[in-house]
Amino acid sequence: MANIWIRLCGFCLLLALSPSWAAAPAALAARTHFVSVAFHDVVDSLDGADVDAVSTDRLVAFFDHLRSDGWTPLRLEDLAQIRRGQRPMPPKAILITFDDGYRSLYTKVFPLLMAYRIPVVASVVGSWLEPAPGAQIRYGERLVSREHFIDWAQARRMQASGWVEFASHTYDQHQQRQSNPQGNRTPALSSALYEPAAERYEDLAAYSERVRQDLQRNAQLMHKELGRLPRAITWPYGHYNRPALDVALEQGYEFALTLNNEPGDLRMPMEIGRYWPRSNQQLAELINELRFISAPPASRRLRRIDPAQLWSPDPAVFDQRLGSLIEQLRAARTTDVVLEALHMDTATGRWSSWFPNRVLPVQGDALHRIAWQLQIRAEVRVLADLRLDRLVSGMPEADILTLHTDLGWQVPVQGLFLAGRQAAAHAGPPADGPSQEAPFTSAGLAQQRRHLDLQTLPQPDRLALQAFRAVEAFRPQLSLVTLTLAGQVHGLAPWADLSLRGLPASVPQLQALVRDLHAKSASANRWQQRRTGVWLMGSELGDAALRQRLQRALHVEGVGAIGWSASDFEEAK
């Protein structure tokens, strides 16, 4: 397994630095934000259509609204000029995109673009356009007719009109591939592929070369058919990471389109967020979503899971245990699972891991399968915990960052769980802390975390943010959850999507904590209130009746996020 990581060596030490593509030119106008929408197929009837298809009448209503309400549809050239400071960002600016190159782009959308004089960016997958008429195309996990998509002659006519610019959607990466020994298939660009015949994972060098060859092939094909190279890359399924972005920059791309649910920001042209409409939304709902103002997060129920309770080298036993856990999570209406990424041998005190890495021995290659199965079958958010609070006392910082880098590269997690014991008396948030004027949304917090200066933080918080960024480099849109004992504060809590207070499971202490939470949130809006929760700890939680009683009591008191574990901070008691 050692050769898997050869090209990763030293990489983790660079992750704390701001990426070169994030820096904006000095002439960048003060107004850098715009909104973008990612449409797919357009149909007259929704019978049998994909969930992201939009009906023709809804698209017409949307175009009508844009023209009557003063919106300015943008071209990529407009964005390029604004970045160069050659023109200002107009008010109500919107970038409209259509992904996948469906035939409806030509038959339904194109006539509307000419009638309404609205420019769009359309993304095409080269391997779907190359086959001859009558061929079958693998689209996701099913086969569809070649005629499901446009052809190059139609693309040339649309481009010549001036209302359509084509972006690369990769040549052949819009598919799912095997990504762990147990056979799970995940989006091809989301992480390392697993090679069953060789019984090994793709390393970072091979991943980058796969992306490089694919993007080159699609760019050459588009140049041959359309007479120009694409200047934007649209990531399949919205999955991308820093190595993929580096390859795109190396090949001269100016823009990269994601499915991050946030406004586009020209300070980060290689991570342009887009809203992805689904279920043929009503016009009012679609327009409201383009404001990118999140509703308060729903109530959350979190549970910590130790893979040691699931793992077995026998695949049948492993799957049986995992299936049983999934049923438990569904029955309990769990929303988030905190997965232990490391294992400690209680007899020796030695650490091992549940994923391939360069620092610790592997207890079992289980974390990828558990994380993916929980997401797609139990429909929960998966957070990983590498026990940074415990590792700092016995592991060099470089190794800690390497572990977090390898976790991000190997495991499809959606959040990082950071426990800590910082005293409330330590230096508070730096002067450039979260803006109180900005809307408190997940996207807003993520953008503020990206621009947070490491040098403004005390060393424990600096290392925690470096660890977070090490995972985030491979898992964009990673959420941050912090945990501290009651009476203490985690230094990154102001920028956390969820901040938890931990305490032993006793009713008097819970009542005191709830009163404290209410006192501090009296002047906060509902979104801010939902960013704080309770983490129950202690062996008493083995009593399911007591656990349910405590959870009901907390929900009645308005606490929106409740998690539990019997092991957190054990050594601190």
Protein backbone atom coordinates (compact mmCIF):
# COMPACT_ATOMS: atom_id res chain seq x y z
CA MET A 1 0.00 0.00 0.00
CA ALA A 2 2.94 2.36 0.54
CA ASN A 3 3.36 3.20 -3.16
CA ILE A 4 -0.23 4.49 -3.24
CA TRP A 5 0.93 7.58 -1.42
CA ILE A 6 4.26 8.41 -3.10
CA ARG A 7 3.01 11.48 -4.92
CA LEU A 8 1.08 12.71 -1.88
CA CYS A 9 4.25 13.23 0.16
CA GLY A 10 4.58 16.80 1.30
CA PHE A 11 1.24 17.76 -0.23
CA CYS A 12 -0.54 18.14 3.09
CA LEU A 13 1.93 20.80 4.25
CA LEU A 14 0.74 23.10 1.46
CA LEU A 15 -2.96 22.83 2.19
CA ALA A 16 -3.02 25.62 4.76
CA LEU A 17 -1.95 28.13 2.12
CA SER A 18 -4.53 30.06 0.13
CA PRO A 19 -4.86 28.51 -3.35
CA SER A 20 -3.39 30.60 -6.16
CA TRP A 21 -6.64 30.57 -8.11
CA ALA A 22 -8.51 32.19 -5.20
CA ALA A 23 -6.64 35.49 -5.46
CA ALA A 24 -8.45 38.15 -7.45
CA PRO A 25 -6.67 40.70 -9.69
CA ALA A 26 -6.05 44.10 -8.14
CA ALA A 27 -8.45 45.68 -10.62
CA LEU A 28 -11.35 43.45 -9.59
CA ALA A 29 -14.47 45.53 -9.09
CA ALA A 30 -15.80 45.76 -5.55
CA ARG A 31 -18.98 43.95 -6.62
CA THR A 32 -18.00 40.36 -7.37
CA HIS A 33 -21.13 38.33 -6.66
CA PHE A 34 -23.75 37.07 -9.10
CA VAL A 35 -26.19 34.18 -9.18
CA SER A 36 -26.14 31.15 -11.45
CA VAL A 37 -28.62 28.40 -12.21
CA ALA A 38 -27.91 24.88 -13.53
CA PHE A 39 -30.73 23.57 -15.74
CA HIS A 40 -30.65 20.17 -17.40
CA ASP A 41 -33.35 18.65 -19.61
CA VAL A 42 -36.44 20.58 -20.77
CA VAL A 43 -39.63 18.59 -21.44
CA ASP A 44 -43.24 19.18 -22.44
CA SER A 45 -44.43 16.39 -20.13
CA LEU A 46 -42.84 15.29 -16.87
CA ASP A 47 -43.96 11.67 -17.29
CA GLY A 48 -40.80 9.56 -17.04
CA ALA A 49 -38.55 12.64 -16.90
CA ASP A 50 -35.55 12.95 -14.58
CA VAL A 51 -36.06 14.81 -11.31
CA ASP A 52 -34.00 17.78 -12.55
CA ALA A 53 -35.99 18.25 -15.76
CA VAL A 54 -37.95 21.49 -16.11
CA SER A 55 -41.15 21.83 -18.11
CA THR A 56 -41.17 24.12 -21.14
CA ASP A 57 -43.86 26.36 -19.69
CA ARG A 58 -41.88 26.86 -16.46
CA LEU A 59 -38.75 27.80 -18.45
CA VAL A 60 -40.76 30.31 -20.50
CA ALA A 61 -42.16 31.81 -17.28
CA PHE A 62 -38.61 32.08 -15.91
CA PHE A 63 -37.32 33.85 -19.02
CA ASP A 64 -40.35 36.17 -18.92
CA HIS A 65 -39.54 37.06 -15.32
CA LEU A 66 -35.88 37.79 -16.08
CA ARG A 67 -36.79 40.17 -18.87
CA SER A 68 -39.60 41.93 -16.97
CA ASP A 69 -37.79 42.22 -13.63
CA GLY A 70 -34.56 43.82 -14.82
CA TRP A 71 -32.15 40.87 -14.66
CA THR A 72 -28.96 40.89 -16.72
CA PRO A 73 -28.06 37.47 -18.17
CA LEU A 74 -24.28 37.13 -18.39
CA ARG A 75 -21.91 35.59 -20.90
CA LEU A 76 -18.59 34.10 -19.83
CA GLU A 77 -16.95 36.98 -21.70
CA ASP A 78 -18.84 39.41 -19.45
CA LEU A 79 -17.40 37.66 -16.37
CA ALA A 80 -13.90 37.75 -17.90
CA GLN A 81 -14.15 41.49 -18.51
CA ILE A 82 -15.49 42.16 -15.02
CA ARG A 83 -12.57 40.19 -13.54
CA ARG A 84 -10.15 42.31 -15.54
CA GLY A 85 -11.82 45.47 -14.23
CA GLN A 86 -13.00 46.50 -17.70
CA ARG A 87 -16.62 46.85 -16.64
CA PRO A 88 -18.65 46.69 -13.43
CA MET A 89 -20.84 43.82 -12.32
CA PRO A 90 -24.43 44.78 -13.24
CA PRO A 91 -27.20 44.54 -10.65
CA LYS A 92 -29.32 41.39 -10.77
CA ALA A 93 -26.63 39.57 -12.72
CA ILE A 94 -27.27 35.92 -13.57
CA LEU A 95 -25.36 33.19 -15.41
CA ILE A 96 -27.73 30.62 -16.95
CA THR A 97 -26.33 27.18 -17.73
CA PHE A 98 -27.60 23.92 -19.24
CA ASP A 99 -25.72 20.72 -18.44
CA ASP A 100 -25.30 17.42 -20.31
CA GLY A 101 -26.19 18.51 -23.86
CA TYR A 102 -29.72 17.09 -24.05
CA ARG A 103 -31.46 17.25 -27.43
CA SER A 104 -33.94 19.67 -25.84
CA LEU A 105 -31.16 22.25 -25.70
CA TYR A 106 -31.53 22.56 -29.48
CA THR A 107 -35.22 21.81 -29.98
CA LYS A 108 -36.73 23.72 -27.04
CA VAL A 109 -34.16 26.01 -25.39
CA PHE A 110 -32.40 27.45 -28.44
CA PRO A 111 -35.54 29.01 -30.01
CA LEU A 112 -36.35 30.63 -26.66
CA LEU A 113 -32.83 32.06 -26.34
CA MET A 114 -33.14 33.78 -29.71
CA ALA A 115 -36.63 35.06 -28.91
CA TYR A 116 -35.72 36.43 -25.47
CA ARG A 117 -32.13 37.34 -26.44
CA ILE A 118 -30.71 35.47 -23.46
CA PRO A 119 -27.17 33.98 -23.55
CA VAL A 120 -26.40 30.65 -21.86
CA VAL A 121 -23.47 28.32 -21.20
CA ALA A 122 -24.07 24.70 -22.29
CA SER A 123 -21.85 21.85 -21.09
CA VAL A 124 -21.24 18.75 -23.19
CA VAL A 125 -19.75 15.31 -22.50
CA GLY A 126 -17.61 14.33 -25.48
CA SER A 127 -18.15 10.58 -25.23
CA TRP A 128 -21.92 11.11 -25.46
CA LEU A 129 -21.67 13.14 -28.66
CA GLU A 130 -19.15 11.04 -30.59
CA PRO A 131 -21.16 7.83 -31.25
CA ALA A 132 -23.10 7.44 -34.49
CA PRO A 133 -26.91 7.75 -34.65
CA GLY A 134 -28.69 4.74 -33.22
CA ALA A 135 -25.97 3.96 -30.70
CA GLN A 136 -26.63 3.41 -27.00
CA ILE A 137 -25.00 5.77 -24.48
CA ARG A 138 -24.32 4.93 -20.84
CA TYR A 139 -25.94 7.79 -18.96
CA GLY A 140 -25.30 7.36 -15.25
CA GLU A 141 -26.28 3.78 -14.49
CA ARG A 142 -28.59 3.27 -17.48
CA LEU A 143 -28.43 3.14 -21.28
CA VAL A 144 -30.15 5.79 -23.41
CA SER A 145 -30.34 6.43 -27.14
CA ARG A 146 -27.70 8.59 -28.83
CA GLU A 147 -30.58 10.76 -30.03
CA HIS A 148 -31.14 11.79 -26.41
CA PHE A 149 -28.34 14.36 -26.95
CA ILE A 150 -27.49 17.09 -29.46
CA ASP A 151 -25.08 16.44 -32.33
CA TRP A 152 -22.13 18.55 -33.37
CA ALA A 153 -23.95 20.16 -36.33
CA GLN A 154 -26.60 21.45 -33.92
CA ALA A 155 -23.91 22.64 -31.52
CA ARG A 156 -22.22 24.61 -34.32
CA ARG A 157 -25.51 26.30 -35.27
CA MET A 158 -26.15 27.29 -31.65
CA GLN A 159 -22.61 28.61 -31.20
CA ALA A 160 -22.80 30.62 -34.43
CA SER A 161 -25.91 32.40 -33.14
CA GLY A 162 -23.89 34.01 -30.35
CA TRP A 163 -26.40 32.95 -27.70
CA VAL A 164 -24.71 29.69 -26.65
CA GLU A 165 -21.15 29.12 -25.46
CA PHE A 166 -20.06 25.53 -24.85
CA ALA A 167 -18.16 24.35 -21.80
CA SER A 168 -16.44 21.03 -21.23
CA HIS A 169 -18.29 18.52 -19.06
CA THR A 170 -15.32 16.09 -19.40
CA TYR A 171 -14.94 13.47 -22.09
CA ASP A 172 -15.78 10.33 -20.11
CA GLN A 173 -15.89 11.14 -16.38
CA HIS A 174 -19.64 11.69 -16.12
CA GLN A 175 -20.12 8.21 -14.70
CA GLN A 176 -19.78 6.20 -11.51
CA ARG A 177 -16.79 3.94 -10.90
CA GLN A 178 -15.71 1.45 -8.22
CA SER A 179 -14.06 3.26 -5.33
CA ASN A 180 -13.54 0.69 -2.57
CA PRO A 181 -12.83 -3.06 -2.19
CA GLN A 182 -16.47 -3.74 -1.32
CA GLY A 183 -17.65 -2.60 -4.76
CA ASN A 184 -19.32 0.76 -4.09
CA ARG A 185 -19.59 2.98 -7.16
CA THR A 186 -19.21 6.73 -6.68
CA PRO A 187 -18.83 9.71 -9.08
CA ALA A 188 -15.62 9.19 -11.03
CA LEU A 189 -13.99 12.47 -9.97
CA SER A 190 -15.03 12.31 -6.31
CA SER A 191 -11.99 10.35 -5.06
CA ALA A 192 -9.52 7.60 -5.83
CA LEU A 193 -10.74 4.67 -7.92
CA TYR A 194 -10.20 1.12 -6.68
CA GLU A 195 -8.65 -1.39 -9.07
CA PRO A 196 -10.03 -4.85 -8.10
CA ALA A 197 -7.65 -6.84 -10.27
CA ALA A 198 -4.59 -5.18 -8.72
CA GLU A 199 -6.23 -4.86 -5.29
CA ARG A 200 -5.07 -1.28 -4.93
CA TYR A 201 -6.27 2.30 -5.03
CA GLU A 202 -5.44 4.87 -7.65
CA ASP A 203 -2.79 7.25 -6.29
CA LEU A 204 -2.91 11.01 -6.59
CA ALA A 205 -0.51 11.08 -9.55
CA ALA A 206 -2.69 8.60 -11.45
CA TYR A 207 -5.84 10.55 -10.54
CA SER A 208 -4.35 13.81 -11.82
CA GLU A 209 -3.19 12.12 -15.01
CA ARG A 210 -6.66 10.62 -15.56
CA VAL A 211 -8.21 14.08 -15.21
CA ARG A 212 -5.50 15.63 -17.42
CA GLN A 213 -5.94 13.18 -20.28
CA ASP A 214 -9.73 13.38 -20.12
CA LEU A 215 -9.85 17.19 -20.16
CA GLN A 216 -7.30 17.32 -22.99
CA ARG A 217 -9.30 14.83 -25.05
CA ASN A 218 -12.54 16.73 -24.64
CA ALA A 219 -10.90 20.09 -25.34
CA GLN A 220 -9.31 18.73 -28.53
CA LEU A 221 -12.64 17.24 -29.63
CA MET A 222 -14.46 20.52 -28.98
CA HIS A 223 -11.77 22.47 -30.84
CA LYS A 224 -12.09 20.11 -33.80
CA GLU A 225 -15.91 20.32 -33.91
CA LEU A 226 -16.51 23.90 -32.79
CA GLY A 227 -13.31 25.65 -33.82
CA ARG A 228 -12.45 26.90 -30.33
CA LEU A 229 -11.22 25.58 -27.01
CA PRO A 230 -13.58 25.69 -24.03
CA ARG A 231 -12.74 28.21 -21.34
CA ALA A 232 -15.00 26.69 -18.68
CA ILE A 233 -15.11 23.24 -17.11
CA THR A 234 -18.32 21.95 -15.54
CA TRP A 235 -17.66 19.18 -13.03
CA PRO A 236 -19.86 16.06 -13.44
CA TYR A 237 -22.30 15.62 -10.55
CA GLY A 238 -20.69 18.76 -9.08
CA HIS A 239 -17.79 16.68 -7.72
CA TYR A 240 -14.30 18.17 -7.84
CA ASN A 241 -11.27 18.75 -5.62
CA ARG A 242 -8.10 20.79 -5.54
CA PRO A 243 -6.00 18.38 -7.68
CA ALA A 244 -8.71 18.45 -10.37
CA LEU A 245 -8.82 22.26 -10.22
CA ASP A 246 -5.03 22.39 -10.53
CA VAL A 247 -5.20 20.31 -13.72
CA ALA A 248 -7.92 22.57 -15.14
CA LEU A 249 -5.81 25.66 -14.41
CA GLU A 250 -2.77 24.02 -15.95
CA GLN A 251 -4.79 23.53 -19.15
CA GLY A 252 -5.85 27.16 -19.30
CA TYR A 253 -9.43 27.07 -18.08
CA GLU A 254 -10.66 30.45 -16.81
CA PHE A 255 -13.79 29.24 -15.03
CA ALA A 256 -15.07 26.11 -13.32
CA LEU A 257 -18.77 25.54 -12.62
CA THR A 258 -19.85 23.59 -9.55
CA LEU A 259 -23.16 22.61 -7.97
CA ASN A 260 -22.26 24.34 -4.71
CA ASN A 261 -25.47 25.94 -3.51
CA GLU A 262 -24.09 29.47 -3.20
CA PRO A 263 -23.74 32.63 -5.27
CA GLY A 264 -20.96 32.83 -7.81
CA ASP A 265 -18.00 34.91 -6.66
CA LEU A 266 -15.43 36.21 -9.14
CA ARG A 267 -12.80 36.15 -6.41
CA MET A 268 -13.00 32.36 -6.86
CA PRO A 269 -13.63 31.87 -10.60
CA MET A 270 -12.69 28.18 -10.41
CA GLU A 271 -15.49 27.45 -7.90
CA ILE A 272 -18.56 29.18 -9.30
CA GLY A 273 -21.58 28.01 -7.33
CA ARG A 274 -24.90 27.33 -9.06
CA TYR A 275 -28.42 26.61 -7.89
CA TRP A 276 -29.64 23.23 -9.19
CA PRO A 277 -33.46 23.26 -9.66
CA ARG A 278 -35.32 20.00 -9.17
CA SER A 279 -38.92 18.78 -9.12
CA ASN A 280 -40.00 21.41 -11.69
CA GLN A 281 -40.28 24.19 -9.14
CA GLN A 282 -42.87 26.92 -9.32
CA LEU A 283 -41.47 30.23 -10.58
CA ALA A 284 -41.81 31.96 -7.19
CA GLU A 285 -39.91 29.14 -5.46
CA LEU A 286 -37.11 29.21 -8.06
CA ILE A 287 -36.69 32.99 -7.79
CA ASN A 288 -36.65 32.76 -4.01
CA GLU A 289 -33.97 30.05 -4.09
CA LEU A 290 -31.78 32.29 -6.27
CA ARG A 291 -31.58 34.68 -3.32
CA PHE A 292 -29.44 31.98 -1.64
CA ILE A 293 -30.85 32.77 1.79
CA SER A 294 -31.11 29.52 3.68
CA ALA A 295 -34.01 28.62 5.89
CA PRO A 296 -33.07 27.80 9.48
CA PRO A 297 -31.58 24.29 9.59
CA ALA A 298 -34.05 21.59 10.55
CA SER A 299 -33.75 19.76 13.85
CA ARG A 300 -30.78 17.42 13.87
CA ARG A 301 -30.20 14.13 15.67
CA LEU A 302 -26.56 13.08 15.76
CA ARG A 303 -25.04 9.77 16.77
CA ARG A 304 -21.43 8.65 17.07
CA ILE A 305 -20.56 5.32 15.41
CA ASP A 306 -17.42 3.26 16.03
CA PRO A 307 -16.57 1.17 12.93
CA ALA A 308 -15.16 -1.49 15.29
CA GLN A 309 -18.77 -2.42 16.02
CA LEU A 310 -19.37 -3.07 12.31
CA TRP A 311 -16.10 -4.27 10.83
CA SER A 312 -15.39 -7.87 9.92
CA PRO A 313 -12.97 -9.24 7.33
CA ASP A 314 -15.90 -11.45 6.32
CA PRO A 315 -17.86 -9.31 3.79
CA ALA A 316 -21.15 -11.02 4.61
CA VAL A 317 -20.82 -10.28 8.32
CA PHE A 318 -19.73 -6.69 7.62
CA ASP A 319 -22.73 -6.11 5.35
CA GLN A 320 -25.16 -7.68 7.80
CA ARG A 321 -23.98 -5.42 10.62
CA LEU A 322 -24.02 -2.35 8.39
CA GLY A 323 -27.53 -3.13 7.17
CA SER A 324 -28.75 -3.52 10.75
CA LEU A 325 -27.23 -0.14 11.68
CA ILE A 326 -28.92 1.54 8.72
CA GLU A 327 -32.31 0.24 9.88
CA GLN A 328 -31.61 1.55 13.39
CA LEU A 329 -30.70 4.99 12.08
CA ARG A 330 -33.85 5.17 9.98
CA ALA A 331 -36.04 4.11 12.90
CA ALA A 332 -34.45 6.73 15.18
CA ARG A 333 -34.74 9.42 12.47
CA THR A 334 -31.04 10.13 12.79
CA THR A 335 -29.87 13.00 10.57
CA ASP A 336 -26.10 12.97 11.16
CA VAL A 337 -23.58 10.25 11.97
CA VAL A 338 -20.16 10.98 13.46
CA LEU A 339 -17.82 8.23 12.27
CA GLU A 340 -14.73 7.40 14.29
CA ALA A 341 -11.95 7.45 11.69
CA LEU A 342 -9.33 6.01 14.07
CA HIS A 343 -9.15 3.05 16.44
CA MET A 344 -7.24 2.89 19.72
CA ASP A 345 -6.11 -0.43 21.15
CA THR A 346 -7.04 -0.06 24.82
CA ALA A 347 -4.37 -2.58 25.84
CA THR A 348 -1.45 -0.86 24.13
CA GLY A 349 -2.71 2.70 23.61
CA ARG A 350 -1.68 2.49 19.94
CA TRP A 351 -3.69 4.12 17.17
CA SER A 352 -4.71 2.56 13.86
CA SER A 353 -7.13 3.78 11.19
CA TRP A 354 -10.21 2.68 9.28
CA PHE A 355 -8.93 4.04 5.95
CA PRO A 356 -5.65 3.77 3.96
CA ASN A 357 -3.14 6.41 5.01
CA ARG A 358 0.57 7.17 5.30
CA VAL A 359 0.85 7.55 9.07
CA LEU A 360 -0.91 4.73 10.91
CA PRO A 361 -1.50 1.02 10.32
CA VAL A 362 -4.91 0.18 8.85
CA GLN A 363 -7.23 -1.66 11.22
CA GLY A 364 -9.63 -2.33 8.36
CA ASP A 365 -10.46 -0.61 5.05
CA ALA A 366 -14.04 0.10 6.10
CA LEU A 367 -14.65 3.83 6.36
CA HIS A 368 -15.33 4.54 2.68
CA ARG A 369 -18.02 1.87 2.42
CA ILE A 370 -19.65 2.83 5.72
CA ALA A 371 -19.71 6.54 4.80
CA TRP A 372 -21.13 6.00 1.32
CA GLN A 373 -23.73 3.43 2.38
CA LEU A 374 -24.95 5.67 5.19
CA GLN A 375 -25.36 8.57 2.77
CA ILE A 376 -27.23 6.72 0.03
CA ARG A 377 -29.21 4.20 2.10
CA ALA A 378 -29.77 5.82 5.50
CA GLU A 379 -29.82 9.33 3.95
CA VAL A 380 -27.78 10.86 6.77
CA ARG A 381 -24.97 13.39 6.75
CA VAL A 382 -21.64 11.73 7.52
CA LEU A 383 -19.10 13.56 9.69
CA ALA A 384 -15.64 12.16 10.38
CA ASP A 385 -13.73 12.53 13.64
CA LEU A 386 -9.96 11.94 13.72
CA ARG A 387 -9.81 12.81 17.43
CA LEU A 388 -7.60 15.83 16.92
CA ASP A 389 -8.09 16.71 20.59
CA ARG A 390 -6.27 13.49 21.55
CA LEU A 391 -3.72 13.28 18.74
CA VAL A 392 -2.14 16.66 19.50
CA SER A 393 -0.48 15.35 22.65
CA GLY A 394 1.42 12.54 20.95
CA MET A 395 1.68 13.08 17.20
CA PRO A 396 3.69 15.66 15.18
CA GLU A 397 1.58 18.30 13.49
CA ALA A 398 2.86 17.24 10.06
CA ASP A 399 1.53 13.71 10.65
CA ILE A 400 -1.80 15.07 11.89
CA LEU A 401 -2.21 17.09 8.69
CA THR A 402 -1.17 14.09 6.60
CA LEU A 403 -3.88 11.98 8.25
CA HIS A 404 -6.51 14.61 7.48
CA THR A 405 -5.26 14.91 3.91
CA ASP A 406 -5.51 11.15 3.42
CA LEU A 407 -8.99 11.09 4.95
CA GLY A 408 -10.19 13.71 2.48
CA TRP A 409 -8.61 11.88 -0.44
CA GLN A 410 -9.97 8.45 0.51
CA VAL A 411 -13.36 8.88 2.19
CA PRO A 412 -16.54 10.67 0.93
CA VAL A 413 -17.33 12.58 4.12
CA GLN A 414 -19.59 15.63 4.28
CA GLY A 415 -18.29 17.17 7.47
CA LEU A 416 -15.44 17.22 9.99
CA PHE A 417 -16.14 16.85 13.72
CA LEU A 418 -13.66 18.72 15.92
CA ALA A 419 -13.70 18.29 19.68
CA GLY A 420 -11.66 20.54 21.96
CA ARG A 421 -11.21 21.89 25.45
CA GLN A 422 -10.26 25.51 24.90
CA ALA A 423 -11.10 27.64 27.94
CA ALA A 424 -13.66 30.36 27.46
CA ALA A 425 -11.15 32.88 28.82
CA HIS A 426 -8.70 32.52 25.95
CA ALA A 427 -8.48 35.22 23.32
CA GLY A 428 -11.82 35.62 21.58
CA PRO A 429 -12.52 35.60 17.85
CA PRO A 430 -10.14 37.84 15.88
CA ALA A 431 -11.22 41.23 14.67
CA ASP A 432 -12.00 39.84 11.21
CA GLY A 433 -14.47 37.28 12.60
CA PRO A 434 -17.77 36.41 10.94
CA SER A 435 -19.65 39.40 9.66
CA GLN A 436 -22.75 40.04 11.76
CA GLU A 437 -24.34 41.90 8.88
CA ALA A 438 -24.06 39.04 6.39
CA PRO A 439 -26.89 36.49 6.27
CA PHE A 440 -26.11 33.52 8.50
CA THR A 441 -26.22 30.76 5.91
CA SER A 442 -24.10 27.70 5.27
CA ALA A 443 -22.77 29.27 2.08
CA GLY A 444 -21.95 32.52 3.89
CA LEU A 445 -20.08 30.72 6.65
CA ALA A 446 -18.16 28.61 4.13
CA GLN A 447 -17.06 31.71 2.23
CA GLN A 448 -15.93 33.40 5.43
CA ARG A 449 -13.98 30.29 6.49
CA ARG A 450 -12.15 30.32 3.16
CA HIS A 451 -10.85 33.83 3.77
CA LEU A 452 -10.00 33.34 7.45
CA ASP A 453 -6.36 34.25 8.14
CA LEU A 454 -4.54 31.50 10.02
CA GLN A 455 -2.21 34.02 11.63
CA THR A 456 -5.09 35.62 13.52
CA LEU A 457 -5.77 32.40 15.45
CA PRO A 458 -4.15 30.89 18.55
CA GLN A 459 -2.07 27.80 17.78
CA PRO A 460 -4.68 25.13 18.76
CA ASP A 461 -7.29 26.79 16.56
CA ARG A 462 -4.77 27.33 13.77
CA LEU A 463 -3.99 23.60 13.68
CA ALA A 464 -7.71 22.77 13.77
CA LEU A 465 -8.38 25.04 10.80
CA GLN A 466 -5.40 23.59 8.92
CA ALA A 467 -6.80 20.10 9.55
CA PHE A 468 -10.22 21.19 8.31
CA ARG A 469 -8.73 22.70 5.16
CA ALA A 470 -6.71 19.54 4.53
CA VAL A 471 -9.94 17.55 4.27
CA GLU A 472 -11.82 20.34 2.50
CA ALA A 473 -9.22 20.37 -0.29
CA PHE A 474 -10.68 17.04 -1.43
CA ARG A 475 -14.25 17.54 -0.15
CA PRO A 476 -15.44 21.02 -1.14
CA GLN A 477 -18.53 22.16 0.76
CA LEU A 478 -17.27 20.29 3.83
CA SER A 479 -19.23 21.33 6.93
CA LEU A 480 -17.61 22.06 10.28
CA VAL A 481 -19.03 20.81 13.60
CA THR A 482 -17.32 21.67 16.89
CA LEU A 483 -17.73 20.15 20.35
CA THR A 484 -16.59 21.41 23.74
CA LEU A 485 -17.55 20.74 27.32
CA ALA A 486 -20.16 23.10 28.77
CA GLY A 487 -18.47 26.26 30.07
CA GLN A 488 -15.78 26.15 27.40
CA VAL A 489 -15.67 27.38 23.84
CA HIS A 490 -14.01 26.06 20.70
CA GLY A 491 -11.99 28.71 18.91
CA LEU A 492 -13.56 27.83 15.54
CA ALA A 493 -17.14 27.84 16.87
CA PRO A 494 -17.90 31.29 15.32
CA TRP A 495 -17.27 29.77 11.89
CA ALA A 496 -18.84 26.36 12.58
CA ASP A 497 -22.00 25.16 10.87
CA LEU A 498 -22.92 23.56 14.18
CA SER A 499 -21.44 24.15 17.65
CA LEU A 500 -22.20 21.51 20.29
CA ARG A 501 -21.91 21.72 24.08
CA GLY A 502 -21.11 18.41 25.75
CA LEU A 503 -22.08 17.37 29.25
CA PRO A 504 -22.88 14.21 31.22
CA ALA A 505 -26.43 12.99 30.83
CA SER A 506 -28.08 14.34 34.00
CA VAL A 507 -31.33 16.25 34.02
CA PRO A 508 -30.24 19.14 36.33
CA GLN A 509 -27.17 19.90 34.21
CA LEU A 510 -29.25 19.76 31.06
CA GLN A 511 -31.79 22.18 32.49
CA ALA A 512 -29.00 24.59 33.43
CA LEU A 513 -27.50 24.33 29.96
CA VAL A 514 -30.85 24.94 28.25
CA ARG A 515 -31.35 28.10 30.37
CA ASP A 516 -27.88 29.26 29.35
CA LEU A 517 -28.56 28.59 25.68
CA HIS A 518 -31.84 30.50 25.85
CA ALA A 519 -30.21 33.47 27.58
CA LYS A 520 -27.48 33.73 24.95
CA SER A 521 -29.80 33.22 21.99
CA ALA A 522 -32.60 35.58 23.04
CA SER A 523 -31.40 38.24 20.63
CA ALA A 524 -30.23 35.84 17.92
CA ASN A 525 -32.19 34.96 14.82
CA ARG A 526 -33.52 31.45 14.31
CA TRP A 527 -30.68 30.49 11.96
CA GLN A 528 -28.11 31.38 14.62
CA GLN A 529 -30.03 29.49 17.30
CA ARG A 530 -30.01 26.34 15.20
CA ARG A 531 -26.22 26.52 14.99
CA THR A 532 -25.97 25.52 18.65
CA GLY A 533 -26.83 22.15 20.14
CA VAL A 534 -26.28 19.66 22.94
CA TRP A 535 -24.03 16.59 22.95
CA LEU A 536 -25.01 14.08 25.63
CA MET A 537 -22.24 11.96 27.13
CA GLY A 538 -21.86 9.17 29.66
CA SER A 539 -22.46 5.47 30.20
CA GLU A 540 -26.04 6.22 31.31
CA LEU A 541 -26.90 6.72 27.63
CA GLY A 542 -26.93 2.97 27.22
CA ASP A 543 -30.40 3.24 28.70
CA ALA A 544 -32.51 3.94 25.60
CA ALA A 545 -35.51 5.11 27.67
CA LEU A 546 -33.42 7.74 29.47
CA ARG A 547 -31.88 8.85 26.19
CA GLN A 548 -35.29 9.30 24.57
CA ARG A 549 -36.58 11.17 27.63
CA LEU A 550 -33.65 13.59 27.53
CA GLN A 551 -34.02 14.13 23.79
CA ARG A 552 -37.75 14.86 24.09
CA ALA A 553 -37.12 17.31 26.93
CA LEU A 554 -34.48 19.15 24.92
CA HIS A 555 -36.68 19.35 21.82
CA VAL A 556 -39.49 20.79 23.95
CA GLU A 557 -37.08 23.46 25.18
CA GLY A 558 -36.28 24.40 21.58
CA VAL A 559 -32.81 22.81 21.24
CA GLY A 560 -32.53 22.00 17.54
CA ALA A 561 -29.47 19.72 17.49
CA ILE A 562 -28.98 16.82 19.88
CA GLY A 563 -26.23 14.21 19.71
CA TRP A 564 -25.00 11.50 22.02
CA SER A 565 -22.00 9.35 22.81
CA ALA A 566 -20.80 7.33 25.77
CA SER A 567 -17.10 7.97 25.20
CA ASP A 568 -16.37 11.66 24.56
CA PHE A 569 -14.06 13.34 27.04
CA GLU A 570 -13.96 10.15 29.15
CA GLU A 571 -10.45 10.83 30.36
CA ALA A 572 -11.47 14.34 31.45
CA LYS A 573 -14.03 13.12 34.02
